[in-house]
N, C-alpha and C. Protein backbone atom coordinates (compact mmCIF):
# COMPACT_ATOMS: atom_id res chain seq x y z
N MET A 1 94.24 95.90 111.59
CA MET A 1 93.62 95.04 112.58
C MET A 1 92.39 95.76 113.12
N THR A 2 91.30 95.05 113.23
CA THR A 2 90.08 95.67 113.70
C THR A 2 90.05 95.76 115.20
N THR A 3 89.17 96.62 115.70
CA THR A 3 89.03 96.77 117.15
C THR A 3 88.61 95.45 117.77
N GLN A 4 87.72 94.74 117.10
CA GLN A 4 87.26 93.45 117.61
C GLN A 4 88.43 92.47 117.74
N ALA A 5 89.32 92.44 116.77
CA ALA A 5 90.46 91.54 116.84
C ALA A 5 91.36 91.90 118.00
N ILE A 6 91.53 93.19 118.25
CA ILE A 6 92.36 93.63 119.36
C ILE A 6 91.71 93.25 120.69
N GLU A 7 90.40 93.47 120.79
CA GLU A 7 89.69 93.17 122.03
C GLU A 7 89.65 91.69 122.35
N THR A 8 89.63 90.85 121.34
CA THR A 8 89.57 89.41 121.58
C THR A 8 90.95 88.77 121.58
N ALA A 9 91.99 89.58 121.52
CA ALA A 9 93.38 89.10 121.54
C ALA A 9 93.62 88.09 120.42
N ALA A 10 93.15 88.45 119.23
CA ALA A 10 93.34 87.57 118.07
C ALA A 10 94.82 87.50 117.73
N THR A 11 95.21 86.36 117.24
CA THR A 11 96.60 86.22 116.82
C THR A 11 96.69 86.41 115.31
N VAL A 12 97.81 86.91 114.89
CA VAL A 12 98.04 87.12 113.47
C VAL A 12 99.11 86.12 113.03
N ALA A 13 98.78 85.33 112.03
CA ALA A 13 99.73 84.34 111.54
C ALA A 13 100.69 85.00 110.56
N THR A 14 101.95 84.68 110.68
CA THR A 14 102.95 85.17 109.74
C THR A 14 102.98 84.24 108.54
N LEU A 15 102.85 84.81 107.36
CA LEU A 15 102.88 84.01 106.15
C LEU A 15 104.32 83.78 105.70
N PRO A 16 104.62 82.59 105.24
CA PRO A 16 105.98 82.32 104.76
C PRO A 16 106.16 82.91 103.36
N ILE A 17 106.35 84.22 103.30
CA ILE A 17 106.37 84.92 102.02
C ILE A 17 107.48 84.40 101.11
N ALA A 18 108.67 84.16 101.65
CA ALA A 18 109.79 83.72 100.80
C ALA A 18 109.43 82.42 100.07
N ALA A 19 108.83 81.48 100.76
CA ALA A 19 108.44 80.22 100.13
C ALA A 19 107.36 80.46 99.08
N ASN A 20 106.44 81.37 99.38
CA ASN A 20 105.39 81.69 98.43
C ASN A 20 105.96 82.38 97.18
N VAL A 21 106.97 83.22 97.36
CA VAL A 21 107.60 83.88 96.22
C VAL A 21 108.20 82.82 95.30
N ASP A 22 108.91 81.88 95.86
CA ASP A 22 109.52 80.82 95.05
C ASP A 22 108.46 79.99 94.33
N ALA A 23 107.38 79.65 95.02
CA ALA A 23 106.31 78.86 94.40
C ALA A 23 105.64 79.65 93.28
N ALA A 24 105.41 80.94 93.52
CA ALA A 24 104.78 81.78 92.49
C ALA A 24 105.69 81.91 91.28
N TRP A 25 107.01 82.06 91.52
CA TRP A 25 107.94 82.14 90.40
C TRP A 25 107.94 80.84 89.60
N ASN A 26 107.97 79.72 90.29
CA ASN A 26 107.98 78.42 89.61
C ASN A 26 106.73 78.23 88.75
N ARG A 27 105.58 78.67 89.29
CA ARG A 27 104.33 78.57 88.53
C ARG A 27 104.41 79.44 87.27
N TYR A 28 104.86 80.68 87.42
CA TYR A 28 104.96 81.59 86.28
C TYR A 28 105.97 81.05 85.26
N ALA A 29 107.13 80.61 85.73
CA ALA A 29 108.17 80.11 84.83
C ALA A 29 107.67 78.87 84.06
N ALA A 30 106.91 78.03 84.72
CA ALA A 30 106.37 76.84 84.04
C ALA A 30 105.41 77.25 82.93
N MET A 31 104.60 78.27 83.19
CA MET A 31 103.66 78.73 82.17
C MET A 31 104.39 79.35 80.98
N VAL A 32 105.44 80.09 81.26
CA VAL A 32 106.24 80.66 80.17
C VAL A 32 106.91 79.54 79.39
N GLY A 33 107.38 78.52 80.10
CA GLY A 33 107.97 77.36 79.43
C GLY A 33 106.99 76.68 78.50
N GLU A 34 105.73 76.58 78.93
CA GLU A 34 104.70 75.99 78.06
C GLU A 34 104.52 76.84 76.80
N THR A 35 104.58 78.15 76.98
CA THR A 35 104.41 79.06 75.84
C THR A 35 105.58 78.93 74.87
N VAL A 36 106.78 78.80 75.39
CA VAL A 36 107.96 78.64 74.53
C VAL A 36 107.85 77.32 73.76
N ALA A 37 107.41 76.28 74.43
CA ALA A 37 107.29 74.97 73.79
C ALA A 37 106.17 74.94 72.75
N ASP A 38 105.12 75.74 72.98
CA ASP A 38 103.98 75.77 72.05
C ASP A 38 103.60 77.22 71.78
N PRO A 39 104.25 77.85 70.80
CA PRO A 39 103.99 79.26 70.52
C PRO A 39 102.54 79.59 70.19
N SER A 40 101.74 78.60 69.81
CA SER A 40 100.32 78.88 69.54
C SER A 40 99.60 79.36 70.81
N LEU A 41 100.18 79.07 71.97
CA LEU A 41 99.58 79.55 73.23
C LEU A 41 99.61 81.07 73.34
N LEU A 42 100.47 81.72 72.54
CA LEU A 42 100.50 83.18 72.54
C LEU A 42 99.18 83.77 72.06
N LEU A 43 98.39 82.97 71.34
CA LEU A 43 97.10 83.42 70.84
C LEU A 43 95.93 82.90 71.67
N ASP A 44 96.24 82.15 72.72
CA ASP A 44 95.21 81.58 73.60
C ASP A 44 94.96 82.56 74.74
N ARG A 45 93.81 83.21 74.69
CA ARG A 45 93.51 84.25 75.68
C ARG A 45 93.51 83.71 77.10
N ASP A 46 92.94 82.56 77.32
CA ASP A 46 92.90 81.99 78.67
C ASP A 46 94.32 81.74 79.20
N HIS A 47 95.17 81.20 78.34
CA HIS A 47 96.55 80.94 78.75
C HIS A 47 97.27 82.25 79.06
N CYS A 48 97.10 83.23 78.18
CA CYS A 48 97.76 84.53 78.39
C CYS A 48 97.26 85.20 79.66
N SER A 49 95.96 85.13 79.91
CA SER A 49 95.39 85.71 81.13
C SER A 49 95.95 85.01 82.36
N ALA A 50 96.08 83.71 82.30
CA ALA A 50 96.64 82.96 83.43
C ALA A 50 98.11 83.35 83.65
N CYS A 51 98.84 83.55 82.55
CA CYS A 51 100.24 83.99 82.68
C CYS A 51 100.33 85.36 83.34
N ILE A 52 99.45 86.26 82.93
CA ILE A 52 99.44 87.60 83.52
C ILE A 52 99.12 87.53 85.01
N ARG A 53 98.13 86.71 85.37
CA ARG A 53 97.79 86.57 86.79
C ARG A 53 98.95 85.94 87.57
N ALA A 54 99.62 84.95 86.96
CA ALA A 54 100.76 84.31 87.63
C ALA A 54 101.88 85.32 87.84
N TRP A 55 102.13 86.16 86.83
CA TRP A 55 103.17 87.19 86.96
C TRP A 55 102.79 88.18 88.07
N ALA A 56 101.53 88.62 88.08
CA ALA A 56 101.08 89.58 89.09
C ALA A 56 101.21 89.01 90.50
N THR A 57 100.88 87.74 90.66
CA THR A 57 101.02 87.10 91.97
C THR A 57 102.48 87.07 92.39
N PHE A 58 103.36 86.67 91.48
CA PHE A 58 104.79 86.65 91.78
C PHE A 58 105.28 88.06 92.12
N ARG A 59 104.92 89.03 91.30
CA ARG A 59 105.35 90.41 91.52
C ARG A 59 104.93 90.92 92.90
N ASP A 60 103.67 90.71 93.24
CA ASP A 60 103.16 91.20 94.53
C ASP A 60 103.86 90.54 95.71
N LEU A 61 104.09 89.24 95.62
CA LEU A 61 104.78 88.54 96.70
C LEU A 61 106.24 88.97 96.79
N MET A 62 106.87 89.19 95.64
CA MET A 62 108.27 89.62 95.65
C MET A 62 108.40 91.00 96.27
N VAL A 63 107.51 91.91 95.90
CA VAL A 63 107.54 93.27 96.46
C VAL A 63 107.28 93.22 97.97
N ALA A 64 106.33 92.40 98.40
CA ALA A 64 106.06 92.26 99.83
C ALA A 64 107.26 91.71 100.56
N SER A 65 107.92 90.73 99.96
CA SER A 65 109.10 90.13 100.57
C SER A 65 110.22 91.15 100.67
N ASP A 66 110.44 91.92 99.60
CA ASP A 66 111.47 92.96 99.61
C ASP A 66 111.15 94.03 100.65
N SER A 67 109.88 94.39 100.76
CA SER A 67 109.47 95.41 101.73
C SER A 67 109.72 94.93 103.15
N LEU A 68 109.40 93.66 103.42
CA LEU A 68 109.64 93.12 104.76
C LEU A 68 111.13 93.09 105.08
N ALA A 69 111.93 92.72 104.10
CA ALA A 69 113.37 92.68 104.31
C ALA A 69 113.91 94.07 104.57
N ALA A 70 113.42 95.06 103.83
CA ALA A 70 113.89 96.43 104.02
C ALA A 70 113.47 96.97 105.38
N GLU A 71 112.27 96.62 105.82
CA GLU A 71 111.79 97.09 107.12
C GLU A 71 112.61 96.50 108.26
N SER A 72 113.07 95.28 108.10
CA SER A 72 113.79 94.66 109.19
C SER A 72 115.23 95.16 109.30
N THR A 73 115.76 95.77 108.24
CA THR A 73 117.14 96.24 108.28
C THR A 73 117.26 97.75 108.27
N ALA A 74 116.19 98.45 107.94
CA ALA A 74 116.26 99.91 107.85
C ALA A 74 116.26 100.52 109.24
N PRO A 75 117.06 101.56 109.45
CA PRO A 75 117.03 102.24 110.74
C PRO A 75 115.69 102.97 110.92
N LEU A 76 115.27 103.08 112.13
CA LEU A 76 114.03 103.78 112.41
C LEU A 76 114.21 105.26 112.12
N PRO A 77 113.14 105.96 111.71
CA PRO A 77 113.26 107.37 111.35
C PRO A 77 113.87 108.23 112.45
N TYR A 78 113.54 107.97 113.71
CA TYR A 78 114.09 108.80 114.78
C TYR A 78 115.60 108.60 114.93
N MET A 79 116.11 107.49 114.43
CA MET A 79 117.55 107.25 114.53
C MET A 79 118.31 108.05 113.48
N GLN A 80 117.61 108.60 112.50
CA GLN A 80 118.24 109.37 111.46
C GLN A 80 118.28 110.86 111.78
N THR A 81 117.71 111.24 112.90
CA THR A 81 117.71 112.64 113.30
C THR A 81 119.11 113.02 113.75
N PRO A 82 119.73 114.04 113.15
CA PRO A 82 121.11 114.39 113.50
C PRO A 82 121.32 114.66 114.98
N ALA A 83 120.37 115.31 115.63
CA ALA A 83 120.55 115.63 117.04
C ALA A 83 120.61 114.36 117.89
N LEU A 84 119.85 113.34 117.52
CA LEU A 84 119.85 112.11 118.30
C LEU A 84 121.04 111.22 117.97
N THR A 85 121.45 111.19 116.72
CA THR A 85 122.57 110.33 116.37
C THR A 85 123.88 110.91 116.89
N ALA A 86 123.94 112.23 117.04
CA ALA A 86 125.14 112.85 117.55
C ALA A 86 125.12 112.95 119.07
N ALA A 87 124.05 112.50 119.66
CA ALA A 87 123.87 112.54 121.13
C ALA A 87 123.88 113.97 121.64
N ASP A 88 123.45 114.92 120.82
CA ASP A 88 123.33 116.31 121.25
C ASP A 88 122.01 116.50 121.95
N ALA A 89 121.94 117.49 122.78
CA ALA A 89 120.70 117.82 123.46
C ALA A 89 119.74 118.44 122.45
N CYS A 90 118.49 118.09 122.55
CA CYS A 90 117.48 118.65 121.65
C CYS A 90 116.86 119.87 122.33
N ARG A 91 116.67 120.90 121.57
CA ARG A 91 116.02 122.11 122.08
C ARG A 91 114.71 122.29 121.36
N ALA A 92 113.69 122.62 122.13
CA ALA A 92 112.36 122.82 121.54
C ALA A 92 112.22 124.23 121.03
């Protein structure tokens, strides 16, 4: 976030990543289905490039979705400190 965005109290929209993952998968799966139905598409550079881009889009959205899910359930690093989890006094 830029300083300007912070100063102007800009809002950040949350993207519906899960829905986008499903849509990206459906697009990629449809393209693969076209290739299975017409194997000559395996030699069509434009089609293959589009398939690669569709896969990359799906992959990136899936990884982002997994990362968000992991962040929401993972304990914070300070909670993993033995002295804090055991409620022992910390000494400097």
